[in-house]
């Protein structure tokens, strides 16, 4: 892929990366959002093509086989997430591209783009706060919550391997720190 400015926000589920991503997009209209693909069912408030590209497991596998994905992972059994190459290629023509993806995917994007990618890890202030946020969503049953928390433990161990860590204790401060780091990266 040609030189592109790719910004990646990554975090354990519930740390606030999507909220921060939305705020960055509001304050940086030139930023393009890369909509991820997933096989998980849409939540009631989610829109196909805006929140995610919702694909069947068979369609996702076909995309893998065709080399259509920059990165992907089976996060939970039959629950895939990934970044379509077409999202980056098309949107990078309009401006810098923002990805909101999981930790393993962020590692793969950094490997693919090197210095053309800024990867920021959004960390919760504590594991207890993360648990509280996930429970507050009301979207997880007990097993799903336990799975997400176990995964979060593994992901938190990787935080320091990225270009920066933003602790989301105070949302306004976390958004500002994220914006400052993006502006510095883009030399704005």
Protein backbone atom coordinates (compact mmCIF):
# COMPACT_ATOMS: atom_id res chain seq x y z
CA UNK A 1 0.00 0.00 0.00
CA UNK A 2 1.26 3.52 -0.72
CA UNK A 3 2.23 5.96 2.01
CA UNK A 4 -0.84 6.46 4.15
CA UNK A 5 -1.45 7.98 7.52
CA UNK A 6 -3.19 5.36 9.60
CA UNK A 7 -4.26 6.04 13.17
CA UNK A 8 -5.25 3.03 15.27
CA UNK A 9 -7.07 3.12 18.58
CA UNK A 10 -6.96 -0.22 20.36
CA UNK A 11 -8.04 -1.37 23.79
CA UNK A 12 -9.76 -4.09 25.72
CA UNK A 13 -13.52 -4.11 25.20
CA UNK A 14 -15.10 -1.49 27.47
CA UNK A 15 -12.05 0.79 27.82
CA UNK A 16 -13.64 3.54 25.73
CA UNK A 17 -11.77 3.42 22.42
CA UNK A 18 -14.95 3.72 20.35
CA UNK A 19 -16.18 6.71 22.34
CA UNK A 20 -12.79 8.39 21.90
CA UNK A 21 -12.77 7.48 18.20
CA UNK A 22 -16.16 9.19 17.72
CA UNK A 23 -14.91 12.31 19.49
CA UNK A 24 -11.76 12.40 17.36
CA UNK A 25 -13.87 12.14 14.22
CA UNK A 26 -16.10 15.00 15.41
CA UNK A 27 -13.09 17.25 16.01
CA UNK A 28 -11.10 16.22 12.94
CA UNK A 29 -13.50 16.24 9.97
CA UNK A 30 -10.64 15.39 7.59
CA UNK A 31 -10.20 12.04 9.38
CA UNK A 32 -11.79 9.04 7.64
CA UNK A 33 -13.19 6.15 9.68
CA UNK A 34 -12.42 2.57 8.66
CA UNK A 35 -15.50 0.47 9.33
CA UNK A 36 -14.46 -2.98 10.56
CA UNK A 37 -16.03 -6.23 9.44
CA UNK A 38 -17.44 -8.72 11.92
CA UNK A 39 -19.47 -11.89 12.10
CA UNK A 40 -21.03 -11.06 15.45
CA UNK A 41 -24.71 -10.09 15.44
CA UNK A 42 -25.54 -6.39 15.30
CA UNK A 43 -26.63 -4.79 18.54
CA UNK A 44 -30.02 -3.02 18.38
CA UNK A 45 -28.51 0.44 17.84
CA UNK A 46 -25.92 -0.62 15.24
CA UNK A 47 -26.18 0.01 11.50
CA UNK A 48 -24.56 -2.21 8.86
CA UNK A 49 -21.90 -0.28 6.96
CA UNK A 50 -21.68 2.44 9.60
CA UNK A 51 -20.82 0.65 12.83
CA UNK A 52 -19.54 -2.56 11.22
CA UNK A 53 -19.81 -4.50 8.00
CA UNK A 54 -21.84 -7.41 9.37
CA UNK A 55 -20.89 -10.57 7.47
CA UNK A 56 -21.80 -14.23 7.80
CA UNK A 57 -19.03 -16.59 8.86
CA UNK A 58 -19.00 -18.02 5.31
CA UNK A 59 -18.69 -14.56 3.73
CA UNK A 60 -15.93 -13.58 6.16
CA UNK A 61 -14.05 -16.80 5.32
CA UNK A 62 -14.45 -16.06 1.60
CA UNK A 63 -12.94 -12.59 2.20
CA UNK A 64 -10.01 -14.17 4.06
CA UNK A 65 -9.45 -16.65 1.22
CA UNK A 66 -9.53 -13.80 -1.35
CA UNK A 67 -6.96 -11.75 0.60
CA UNK A 68 -9.49 -8.95 1.14
CA UNK A 69 -8.56 -8.41 4.80
CA UNK A 70 -5.59 -6.40 6.05
CA UNK A 71 -5.95 -8.07 9.42
CA UNK A 72 -8.47 -10.33 11.09
CA UNK A 73 -8.93 -12.50 14.10
CA UNK A 74 -11.37 -15.03 15.46
CA UNK A 75 -11.88 -13.29 18.79
CA UNK A 76 -14.41 -15.81 20.08
CA UNK A 77 -15.64 -19.03 18.40
CA UNK A 78 -17.20 -18.07 15.02
CA UNK A 79 -16.91 -14.39 15.96
CA UNK A 80 -14.44 -12.80 13.56
CA UNK A 81 -13.35 -9.18 13.35
CA UNK A 82 -11.17 -7.65 10.69
CA UNK A 83 -10.22 -4.69 8.52
CA UNK A 84 -11.10 -4.77 4.84
CA UNK A 85 -8.23 -3.59 2.64
CA UNK A 86 -10.76 -1.68 0.55
CA UNK A 87 -11.67 0.46 3.57
CA UNK A 88 -8.08 1.69 3.95
CA UNK A 89 -7.38 2.03 0.23
CA UNK A 90 -10.54 4.00 -0.53
CA UNK A 91 -10.65 6.19 2.54
CA UNK A 92 -6.94 7.06 2.57
CA UNK A 93 -7.53 8.98 -0.67
CA UNK A 94 -9.68 11.41 1.37
CA UNK A 95 -7.35 11.88 4.35
CA UNK A 96 -5.86 10.10 7.36
CA UNK A 97 -7.72 6.91 8.29
CA UNK A 98 -8.81 6.05 11.84
CA UNK A 99 -9.19 2.40 12.87
CA UNK A 100 -10.92 1.26 16.06
CA UNK A 101 -9.75 -2.35 16.38
CA UNK A 102 -8.70 -5.05 18.82
CA UNK A 103 -5.18 -5.42 20.19
CA UNK A 104 -4.02 -8.28 17.96
CA UNK A 105 -5.35 -6.51 14.88
CA UNK A 106 -3.53 -3.34 15.91
CA UNK A 107 -0.29 -5.30 16.17
CA UNK A 108 -0.82 -6.57 12.61
CA UNK A 109 -1.62 -3.10 11.23
CA UNK A 110 1.51 -1.67 12.86
CA UNK A 111 3.56 -4.46 11.28
CA UNK A 112 2.03 -3.73 7.86
CA UNK A 113 2.36 0.08 7.98
CA UNK A 114 5.33 0.66 10.28
CA UNK A 115 6.00 4.37 10.77
CA UNK A 116 2.97 5.26 8.62
CA UNK A 117 0.75 4.08 11.48
CA UNK A 118 0.25 5.55 14.95
CA UNK A 119 -1.14 2.95 17.33
CA UNK A 120 -2.54 4.21 20.62
CA UNK A 121 -3.64 1.85 23.38
CA UNK A 122 -6.63 3.14 25.36
CA UNK A 123 -6.38 1.76 28.88
CA UNK A 124 -9.06 1.71 31.55
CA UNK A 125 -8.07 3.33 34.86
CA UNK A 126 -8.32 -0.10 36.54
CA UNK A 127 -9.55 -3.63 35.96
CA UNK A 128 -12.36 -2.97 38.42
CA UNK A 129 -13.53 0.02 36.38
CA UNK A 130 -13.38 -2.05 33.21
CA UNK A 131 -15.59 -4.71 34.80
CA UNK A 132 -18.03 -2.03 35.90
CA UNK A 133 -18.19 -0.52 32.40
CA UNK A 134 -18.80 -3.89 30.77
CA UNK A 135 -21.51 -4.77 33.29
CA UNK A 136 -23.08 -1.34 32.78
CA UNK A 137 -23.51 -1.99 29.06
CA UNK A 138 -26.02 -4.72 29.82
CA UNK A 139 -25.03 -6.51 26.60
CA UNK A 140 -23.04 -9.38 28.12
CA UNK A 141 -24.25 -12.53 29.84
CA UNK A 142 -22.09 -13.86 32.70
CA UNK A 143 -20.00 -16.13 30.45
CA UNK A 144 -19.43 -13.41 27.83
CA UNK A 145 -18.41 -10.98 30.58
CA UNK A 146 -15.96 -13.52 32.01
CA UNK A 147 -14.53 -14.14 28.51
CA UNK A 148 -14.10 -10.41 27.84
CA UNK A 149 -12.39 -9.86 31.20
CA UNK A 150 -10.01 -12.78 30.65
CA UNK A 151 -9.18 -11.41 27.21
CA UNK A 152 -8.71 -7.91 28.69
CA UNK A 153 -6.07 -9.27 31.08
CA UNK A 154 -4.06 -10.59 28.13
CA UNK A 155 -4.53 -7.36 26.16
CA UNK A 156 -3.51 -5.08 29.03
CA UNK A 157 -0.16 -6.88 29.13
CA UNK A 158 0.52 -5.65 25.57
CA UNK A 159 -0.22 -1.96 26.21
CA UNK A 160 3.39 -0.82 26.34
CA UNK A 161 4.22 -2.41 22.99
CA UNK A 162 2.32 0.32 21.11
CA UNK A 163 3.25 3.91 20.22
CA UNK A 164 1.48 5.33 23.25
CA UNK A 165 -0.95 4.60 26.08
CA UNK A 166 -3.91 6.87 26.85
CA UNK A 167 -5.57 6.15 30.20
CA UNK A 168 -9.30 6.78 29.91
CA UNK A 169 -10.04 7.88 33.47
CA UNK A 170 -11.46 11.28 32.49
CA UNK A 171 -13.01 11.19 29.01
CA UNK A 172 -12.28 14.84 28.15
CA UNK A 173 -8.61 14.47 29.11
CA UNK A 174 -8.31 11.16 27.23
CA UNK A 175 -9.82 12.69 24.09
CA UNK A 176 -7.51 15.70 24.29
CA UNK A 177 -4.43 13.53 24.81
CA UNK A 178 -5.45 11.37 21.84
CA UNK A 179 -5.97 14.46 19.65
CA UNK A 180 -2.61 15.90 20.74
CA UNK A 181 -0.82 12.67 19.85
CA UNK A 182 -2.57 12.44 16.47
CA UNK A 183 -1.75 16.07 15.62
CA UNK A 184 1.88 15.47 16.56
CA UNK A 185 1.99 12.34 14.39
CA UNK A 186 0.38 14.11 11.44
CA UNK A 187 2.53 17.20 12.12
CA UNK A 188 -0.52 19.47 12.20
